[in-house]
Protein backbone atom coordinates (compact mmCIF):
# COMPACT_ATOMS: atom_id res chain seq x y z
CA MET A 1 30.53 -23.51 52.49
CA ILE A 2 31.93 -25.58 49.64
CA ASN A 3 30.32 -25.70 46.20
CA CYS A 4 29.24 -28.79 44.26
CA ARG A 5 32.50 -29.06 42.33
CA GLU A 6 34.53 -29.06 45.55
CA ALA A 7 32.15 -31.56 47.18
CA THR A 8 32.49 -33.88 44.19
CA GLN A 9 36.28 -33.66 44.25
CA LEU A 10 36.39 -34.37 47.98
CA THR A 11 33.98 -37.29 47.60
CA LEU A 12 36.29 -38.85 45.03
CA GLN A 13 39.42 -38.09 47.07
CA ALA A 14 37.84 -39.78 50.09
CA GLU A 15 38.09 -43.05 48.15
CA ASP A 16 41.90 -42.75 48.14
CA ARG A 17 42.71 -41.02 51.40
CA THR A 18 41.25 -40.12 54.76
CA LEU A 19 39.92 -36.59 54.64
CA PRO A 20 40.78 -34.24 57.49
CA LEU A 21 37.94 -33.49 59.90
CA ALA A 22 37.23 -30.04 58.43
CA GLU A 23 36.82 -31.48 54.92
CA ARG A 24 34.64 -34.36 56.12
CA LEU A 25 32.38 -31.91 57.92
CA ALA A 26 32.22 -29.60 54.91
CA VAL A 27 31.21 -32.48 52.64
CA ARG A 28 28.66 -33.75 55.15
CA LEU A 29 27.12 -30.29 55.47
CA HIS A 30 27.02 -29.87 51.71
CA HIS A 31 25.36 -33.28 51.30
CA GLN A 32 22.68 -32.23 53.80
CA LEU A 33 21.78 -29.32 51.52
CA CYS A 34 22.43 -30.75 48.04
CA GLY A 35 20.51 -33.78 46.85
CA ASN A 36 22.52 -34.08 43.65
CA CYS A 37 25.85 -34.37 45.46
CA ARG A 38 24.30 -36.77 47.96
CA ARG A 39 23.16 -38.93 45.02
CA PHE A 40 26.63 -38.72 43.47
CA ALA A 41 28.20 -39.93 46.73
CA ARG A 42 25.80 -42.91 46.78
CA GLN A 43 26.72 -43.71 43.18
CA VAL A 44 30.44 -43.61 44.01
CA GLU A 45 29.81 -45.97 46.93
CA LEU A 46 27.82 -48.32 44.69
CA MET A 47 30.64 -48.36 42.11
CA ARG A 48 33.21 -49.06 44.84
CA LYS A 49 31.21 -52.03 46.11
CA ALA A 50 30.55 -53.35 42.59
CA SER A 51 34.24 -53.07 41.74
CA ALA A 52 35.21 -54.96 44.90
CA ARG A 53 32.73 -57.71 44.08
CA TRP A 54 34.00 -57.92 40.51
CA ARG A 55 37.60 -58.25 41.71
CA GLN A 56 36.55 -61.00 44.10
CA TYR A 57 34.60 -62.78 41.36
CA SER A 58 37.41 -62.54 38.81
CA GLU A 59 40.00 -63.88 41.29
CA GLU A 60 38.01 -67.08 41.85
C-alpha cells in the first residue's frame, strides 16, 4: 500500500507519462481509501482542464 506522498507524486507523474498497471492500481486503491488524495486528484484534473482552456483562449 502506498502512502499519501507517493500517491500525490504518482498523480502528478500521470499528467506527464502513462503509469504502469501496478502504479495505476496502487493509486486507484489509495484513492478509494483516502478522501484527501482523491480530492487532490480532482483538483489536478480541474487545473489541467483550465490550463487547456486558457491555452485555447489565448491562441484565438
